Amino acid sequence: QVQLAESGGGLVQPGGSLRLSCAASGTIVRIIAMHWYRQSPGKQRELVATITGSGSTNYADSVKGRFTISRDNTKNAVYLQMNSLKPEDTAVYYCRLISVATGVWGQGTQVTVSS
């Protein structure tokens, strides 16, 4: 059974940076893509960034130029570097893994951007 463990969330001032990590454990067949989503209170969960098995990346318009998704295949890990953070980036951030065998969500990590 595949499990995801996220870390790196916290409280940061506007303009600051955070780096989220997501490590996958268990038996993992070929990964198709890994995603970062976020959800704010009263809002739907939204896709923030994607990195495919071939390394292609895609971002929501709201984070382009500020967030960078990357991965370490040796660790089955994905990262989200978040720069120039804004109060509207405040949300619970979730990692999601899609493989040929399964789709798994992490438990989420809180990111709060506030002065």
N, C-alpha and C. Protein backbone atom coordinates (compact mmCIF):
# COMPACT_ATOMS: atom_id res chain seq x y z
N GLN A 1 0.85 -1.18 0.00
CA GLN A 1 0.00 0.00 0.00
C GLN A 1 0.89 1.24 0.00
N VAL A 2 0.58 2.17 -0.90
CA VAL A 2 1.38 3.38 -1.02
C VAL A 2 0.87 4.43 -0.04
N GLN A 3 1.78 5.09 0.64
CA GLN A 3 1.44 6.19 1.53
C GLN A 3 2.29 7.40 1.20
N LEU A 4 1.71 8.58 1.43
CA LEU A 4 2.42 9.83 1.19
C LEU A 4 2.54 10.59 2.51
N ALA A 5 3.70 11.17 2.73
CA ALA A 5 3.93 11.96 3.94
C ALA A 5 4.43 13.34 3.54
N GLU A 6 3.64 14.37 3.86
CA GLU A 6 4.02 15.74 3.53
C GLU A 6 4.65 16.42 4.73
N SER A 7 5.49 17.39 4.45
CA SER A 7 6.10 18.19 5.50
C SER A 7 6.51 19.53 4.92
N GLY A 8 6.83 20.47 5.83
CA GLY A 8 7.36 21.75 5.38
C GLY A 8 6.41 22.92 5.49
N GLY A 9 5.17 22.67 5.87
CA GLY A 9 4.23 23.78 6.03
C GLY A 9 4.55 24.61 7.25
N GLY A 10 3.86 25.74 7.38
CA GLY A 10 4.07 26.59 8.54
C GLY A 10 3.55 27.98 8.31
N LEU A 11 3.95 28.89 9.19
CA LEU A 11 3.56 30.29 9.13
C LEU A 11 4.70 31.10 8.54
N VAL A 12 4.38 31.92 7.55
CA VAL A 12 5.40 32.75 6.90
C VAL A 12 4.80 34.11 6.60
N GLN A 13 5.63 35.12 6.60
CA GLN A 13 5.17 36.46 6.27
C GLN A 13 5.01 36.64 4.77
N PRO A 14 4.15 37.53 4.34
CA PRO A 14 4.03 37.82 2.91
C PRO A 14 5.40 38.16 2.30
N GLY A 15 5.64 37.59 1.12
CA GLY A 15 6.93 37.77 0.47
C GLY A 15 7.95 36.71 0.82
N GLY A 16 7.62 35.89 1.81
CA GLY A 16 8.54 34.85 2.25
C GLY A 16 8.47 33.60 1.39
N SER A 17 9.23 32.59 1.82
CA SER A 17 9.33 31.33 1.08
C SER A 17 9.14 30.13 2.00
N LEU A 18 8.64 29.06 1.41
CA LEU A 18 8.55 27.77 2.08
C LEU A 18 8.83 26.69 1.06
N ARG A 19 9.31 25.55 1.54
CA ARG A 19 9.52 24.40 0.67
C ARG A 19 8.77 23.22 1.26
N LEU A 20 7.80 22.71 0.50
CA LEU A 20 7.04 21.54 0.91
C LEU A 20 7.69 20.29 0.35
N SER A 21 7.63 19.22 1.13
CA SER A 21 8.15 17.93 0.69
C SER A 21 7.06 16.88 0.80
N CYS A 22 7.12 15.90 -0.09
CA CYS A 22 6.18 14.79 -0.07
C CYS A 22 6.95 13.53 -0.42
N ALA A 23 7.00 12.60 0.51
CA ALA A 23 7.73 11.36 0.30
C ALA A 23 6.76 10.20 0.20
N ALA A 24 6.93 9.37 -0.80
CA ALA A 24 6.08 8.21 -1.01
C ALA A 24 6.77 6.96 -0.48
N SER A 25 5.99 6.12 0.17
CA SER A 25 6.53 4.85 0.67
C SER A 25 5.60 3.72 0.24
N GLY A 26 6.14 2.51 0.28
CA GLY A 26 5.37 1.35 -0.13
C GLY A 26 5.81 0.88 -1.50
N THR A 27 5.06 -0.05 -2.03
CA THR A 27 5.38 -0.61 -3.34
C THR A 27 4.79 0.29 -4.42
N ILE A 28 5.67 0.93 -5.17
CA ILE A 28 5.23 1.91 -6.15
C ILE A 28 5.56 1.42 -7.55
N VAL A 29 4.51 1.19 -8.32
CA VAL A 29 4.68 0.85 -9.72
C VAL A 29 4.87 2.17 -10.46
N ARG A 30 5.07 2.12 -11.71
CA ARG A 30 5.45 3.31 -12.50
C ARG A 30 4.56 4.51 -12.20
N ILE A 31 5.21 5.63 -11.82
CA ILE A 31 4.49 6.86 -11.50
C ILE A 31 4.15 7.59 -12.79
N ILE A 32 2.89 7.96 -12.92
CA ILE A 32 2.45 8.74 -14.08
C ILE A 32 2.65 10.22 -13.82
N ALA A 33 2.27 10.65 -12.64
CA ALA A 33 2.40 12.06 -12.29
C ALA A 33 2.30 12.22 -10.78
N MET A 34 2.87 13.32 -10.30
CA MET A 34 2.66 13.74 -8.91
C MET A 34 2.19 15.19 -8.94
N HIS A 35 1.26 15.47 -8.06
CA HIS A 35 0.62 16.78 -8.05
C HIS A 35 0.68 17.41 -6.67
N TRP A 36 0.60 18.70 -6.63
CA TRP A 36 0.29 19.45 -5.40
C TRP A 36 -1.04 20.15 -5.61
N TYR A 37 -1.94 19.96 -4.67
CA TYR A 37 -3.22 20.65 -4.62
C TYR A 37 -3.25 21.52 -3.37
N ARG A 38 -4.20 22.42 -3.32
CA ARG A 38 -4.43 23.17 -2.09
C ARG A 38 -5.91 23.44 -1.92
N GLN A 39 -6.29 23.63 -0.67
CA GLN A 39 -7.69 23.90 -0.36
C GLN A 39 -7.77 24.91 0.78
N SER A 40 -8.48 26.00 0.51
CA SER A 40 -8.73 27.03 1.52
C SER A 40 -10.13 26.83 2.08
N PRO A 41 -10.39 27.32 3.28
CA PRO A 41 -11.73 27.18 3.87
C PRO A 41 -12.81 27.73 2.96
N GLY A 42 -13.84 26.94 2.72
CA GLY A 42 -14.95 27.37 1.90
C GLY A 42 -14.72 27.31 0.41
N LYS A 43 -13.55 26.83 0.01
CA LYS A 43 -13.24 26.74 -1.42
C LYS A 43 -13.00 25.30 -1.83
N GLN A 44 -13.12 25.07 -3.14
CA GLN A 44 -12.83 23.74 -3.66
C GLN A 44 -11.33 23.51 -3.70
N ARG A 45 -10.95 22.25 -3.62
CA ARG A 45 -9.54 21.91 -3.76
C ARG A 45 -9.11 22.23 -5.19
N GLU A 46 -7.96 22.89 -5.33
CA GLU A 46 -7.48 23.29 -6.65
C GLU A 46 -6.10 22.72 -6.92
N LEU A 47 -5.86 22.42 -8.18
CA LEU A 47 -4.57 21.89 -8.61
C LEU A 47 -3.58 23.05 -8.71
N VAL A 48 -2.45 22.90 -8.06
CA VAL A 48 -1.43 23.95 -8.03
C VAL A 48 -0.30 23.66 -9.01
N ALA A 49 0.21 22.44 -8.97
CA ALA A 49 1.36 22.10 -9.80
C ALA A 49 1.39 20.61 -10.07
N THR A 50 1.96 20.25 -11.22
CA THR A 50 2.07 18.86 -11.65
C THR A 50 3.46 18.61 -12.20
N ILE A 51 3.99 17.42 -11.90
CA ILE A 51 5.20 16.96 -12.58
C ILE A 51 4.92 15.53 -13.04
N THR A 52 5.13 15.27 -14.33
CA THR A 52 4.82 13.98 -14.88
C THR A 52 6.00 13.01 -14.73
N GLY A 53 5.76 11.77 -15.10
CA GLY A 53 6.82 10.78 -15.04
C GLY A 53 8.00 11.11 -15.93
N SER A 54 7.74 11.86 -16.98
CA SER A 54 8.82 12.25 -17.90
C SER A 54 9.48 13.56 -17.48
N GLY A 55 8.96 14.20 -16.43
CA GLY A 55 9.57 15.41 -15.92
C GLY A 55 8.92 16.70 -16.38
N SER A 56 7.88 16.61 -17.17
CA SER A 56 7.17 17.82 -17.60
C SER A 56 6.44 18.43 -16.42
N THR A 57 6.38 19.75 -16.40
CA THR A 57 5.73 20.45 -15.29
C THR A 57 4.61 21.36 -15.81
N ASN A 58 3.66 21.62 -14.93
CA ASN A 58 2.57 22.52 -15.26
C ASN A 58 2.11 23.20 -13.97
N TYR A 59 1.68 24.45 -14.10
CA TYR A 59 1.32 25.25 -12.92
C TYR A 59 -0.01 25.97 -13.12
N ALA A 60 -0.69 26.19 -12.03
CA ALA A 60 -1.85 27.07 -12.06
C ALA A 60 -1.38 28.49 -12.35
N ASP A 61 -2.20 29.24 -13.04
CA ASP A 61 -1.83 30.61 -13.39
C ASP A 61 -1.49 31.44 -12.16
N SER A 62 -2.17 31.17 -11.07
CA SER A 62 -2.00 31.97 -9.86
C SER A 62 -0.64 31.79 -9.20
N VAL A 63 0.10 30.73 -9.57
CA VAL A 63 1.40 30.49 -8.92
C VAL A 63 2.56 30.49 -9.91
N LYS A 64 2.29 30.65 -11.19
CA LYS A 64 3.36 30.65 -12.19
C LYS A 64 4.37 31.74 -11.88
N GLY A 65 5.63 31.37 -11.98
CA GLY A 65 6.70 32.31 -11.71
C GLY A 65 7.07 32.43 -10.24
N ARG A 66 6.26 31.85 -9.37
CA ARG A 66 6.53 31.92 -7.93
C ARG A 66 6.79 30.54 -7.33
N PHE A 67 6.11 29.52 -7.83
CA PHE A 67 6.24 28.17 -7.30
C PHE A 67 7.01 27.30 -8.30
N THR A 68 7.77 26.35 -7.77
CA THR A 68 8.50 25.40 -8.60
C THR A 68 8.32 24.00 -8.04
N ILE A 69 7.85 23.08 -8.88
CA ILE A 69 7.72 21.69 -8.49
C ILE A 69 8.92 20.91 -9.00
N SER A 70 9.43 20.01 -8.19
CA SER A 70 10.57 19.19 -8.58
C SER A 70 10.43 17.83 -7.92
N ARG A 71 11.30 16.90 -8.30
CA ARG A 71 11.18 15.56 -7.75
C ARG A 71 12.55 14.92 -7.61
N ASP A 72 12.61 13.92 -6.77
CA ASP A 72 13.79 13.08 -6.60
C ASP A 72 13.33 11.65 -6.80
N ASN A 73 13.62 11.10 -7.96
CA ASN A 73 13.14 9.76 -8.28
C ASN A 73 13.74 8.69 -7.38
N THR A 74 14.94 8.93 -6.89
CA THR A 74 15.59 7.93 -6.03
C THR A 74 14.88 7.80 -4.69
N LYS A 75 14.17 8.85 -4.31
CA LYS A 75 13.46 8.85 -3.02
C LYS A 75 11.94 8.80 -3.20
N ASN A 76 11.48 8.72 -4.45
CA ASN A 76 10.04 8.82 -4.73
C ASN A 76 9.45 10.03 -4.01
N ALA A 77 10.12 11.14 -4.14
CA ALA A 77 9.71 12.36 -3.45
C ALA A 77 9.44 13.48 -4.44
N VAL A 78 8.55 14.36 -4.04
CA VAL A 78 8.26 15.55 -4.83
C VAL A 78 8.29 16.75 -3.89
N TYR A 79 8.70 17.89 -4.44
CA TYR A 79 8.86 19.10 -3.64
C TYR A 79 8.11 20.26 -4.28
N LEU A 80 7.75 21.22 -3.47
CA LEU A 80 7.14 22.44 -3.99
C LEU A 80 7.84 23.63 -3.32
N GLN A 81 8.67 24.30 -4.10
CA GLN A 81 9.33 25.52 -3.62
C GLN A 81 8.40 26.68 -3.87
N MET A 82 8.04 27.38 -2.80
CA MET A 82 7.08 28.48 -2.90
C MET A 82 7.77 29.77 -2.49
N ASN A 83 7.88 30.69 -3.44
CA ASN A 83 8.51 31.99 -3.20
C ASN A 83 7.48 33.10 -3.35
N SER A 84 7.85 34.26 -2.86
CA SER A 84 6.97 35.45 -2.97
C SER A 84 5.55 35.12 -2.53
N LEU A 85 5.44 34.49 -1.39
CA LEU A 85 4.14 34.03 -0.92
C LEU A 85 3.22 35.20 -0.60
N LYS A 86 1.94 34.97 -0.87
CA LYS A 86 0.90 35.97 -0.66
C LYS A 86 -0.13 35.43 0.34
N PRO A 87 -0.87 36.30 0.99
CA PRO A 87 -1.90 35.82 1.92
C PRO A 87 -2.89 34.87 1.25
N GLU A 88 -3.16 35.09 -0.02
CA GLU A 88 -4.11 34.21 -0.72
C GLU A 88 -3.55 32.83 -1.00
N ASP A 89 -2.28 32.60 -0.73
CA ASP A 89 -1.70 31.27 -0.83
C ASP A 89 -2.00 30.42 0.42
N THR A 90 -2.57 31.04 1.43
CA THR A 90 -2.90 30.32 2.65
C THR A 90 -3.89 29.20 2.36
N ALA A 91 -3.54 27.99 2.74
CA ALA A 91 -4.37 26.81 2.45
C ALA A 91 -3.72 25.58 3.07
N VAL A 92 -4.47 24.49 3.05
CA VAL A 92 -3.87 23.18 3.30
C VAL A 92 -3.40 22.65 1.96
N TYR A 93 -2.13 22.26 1.90
CA TYR A 93 -1.54 21.76 0.66
C TYR A 93 -1.45 20.23 0.73
N TYR A 94 -1.92 19.60 -0.35
CA TYR A 94 -1.97 18.15 -0.42
C TYR A 94 -1.11 17.65 -1.58
N CYS A 95 -0.41 16.58 -1.33
CA CYS A 95 0.33 15.89 -2.36
C CYS A 95 -0.54 14.74 -2.90
N ARG A 96 -0.44 14.49 -4.20
CA ARG A 96 -1.17 13.37 -4.79
C ARG A 96 -0.25 12.64 -5.76
N LEU A 97 -0.26 11.33 -5.68
CA LEU A 97 0.53 10.47 -6.56
C LEU A 97 -0.42 9.67 -7.44
N ILE A 98 -0.15 9.64 -8.73
CA ILE A 98 -0.89 8.81 -9.67
C ILE A 98 0.10 7.85 -10.31
N SER A 99 -0.17 6.56 -10.12
CA SER A 99 0.67 5.56 -10.78
C SER A 99 -0.22 4.70 -11.67
N VAL A 100 0.39 3.73 -12.33
CA VAL A 100 -0.41 2.85 -13.19
C VAL A 100 -1.31 1.95 -12.35
N ALA A 101 -1.02 1.86 -11.05
CA ALA A 101 -1.78 0.97 -10.18
C ALA A 101 -2.73 1.68 -9.24
N THR A 102 -2.47 2.95 -8.91
CA THR A 102 -3.26 3.58 -7.86
C THR A 102 -3.17 5.09 -7.90
N GLY A 103 -4.05 5.72 -7.13
CA GLY A 103 -3.99 7.16 -6.89
C GLY A 103 -4.09 7.37 -5.39
N VAL A 104 -3.19 8.16 -4.83
CA VAL A 104 -3.09 8.30 -3.38
C VAL A 104 -2.99 9.78 -3.01
N TRP A 105 -3.65 10.15 -1.91
CA TRP A 105 -3.55 11.50 -1.36
C TRP A 105 -2.71 11.48 -0.08
N GLY A 106 -1.99 12.55 0.13
CA GLY A 106 -1.35 12.76 1.42
C GLY A 106 -2.33 13.35 2.40
N GLN A 107 -1.87 13.54 3.64
CA GLN A 107 -2.75 14.01 4.70
C GLN A 107 -2.88 15.53 4.73
N GLY A 108 -2.00 16.22 4.03
CA GLY A 108 -2.05 17.67 3.95
C GLY A 108 -1.14 18.35 4.94
N THR A 109 -0.67 19.53 4.56
CA THR A 109 0.16 20.34 5.45
C THR A 109 -0.32 21.79 5.33
N GLN A 110 -0.46 22.45 6.48
CA GLN A 110 -1.01 23.80 6.51
C GLN A 110 0.06 24.83 6.16
N VAL A 111 -0.28 25.73 5.26
CA VAL A 111 0.56 26.88 4.94
C VAL A 111 -0.24 28.14 5.24
N THR A 112 0.30 28.98 6.09
CA THR A 112 -0.36 30.23 6.46
C THR A 112 0.56 31.40 6.14
N VAL A 113 0.07 32.31 5.33
CA VAL A 113 0.85 33.49 4.95
C VAL A 113 0.18 34.71 5.60
N SER A 114 0.86 35.26 6.57
CA SER A 114 0.27 36.35 7.34
C SER A 114 1.35 37.17 8.02
N SER A 115 1.08 38.45 8.17
CA SER A 115 2.01 39.32 8.90
C SER A 115 1.59 39.42 10.36
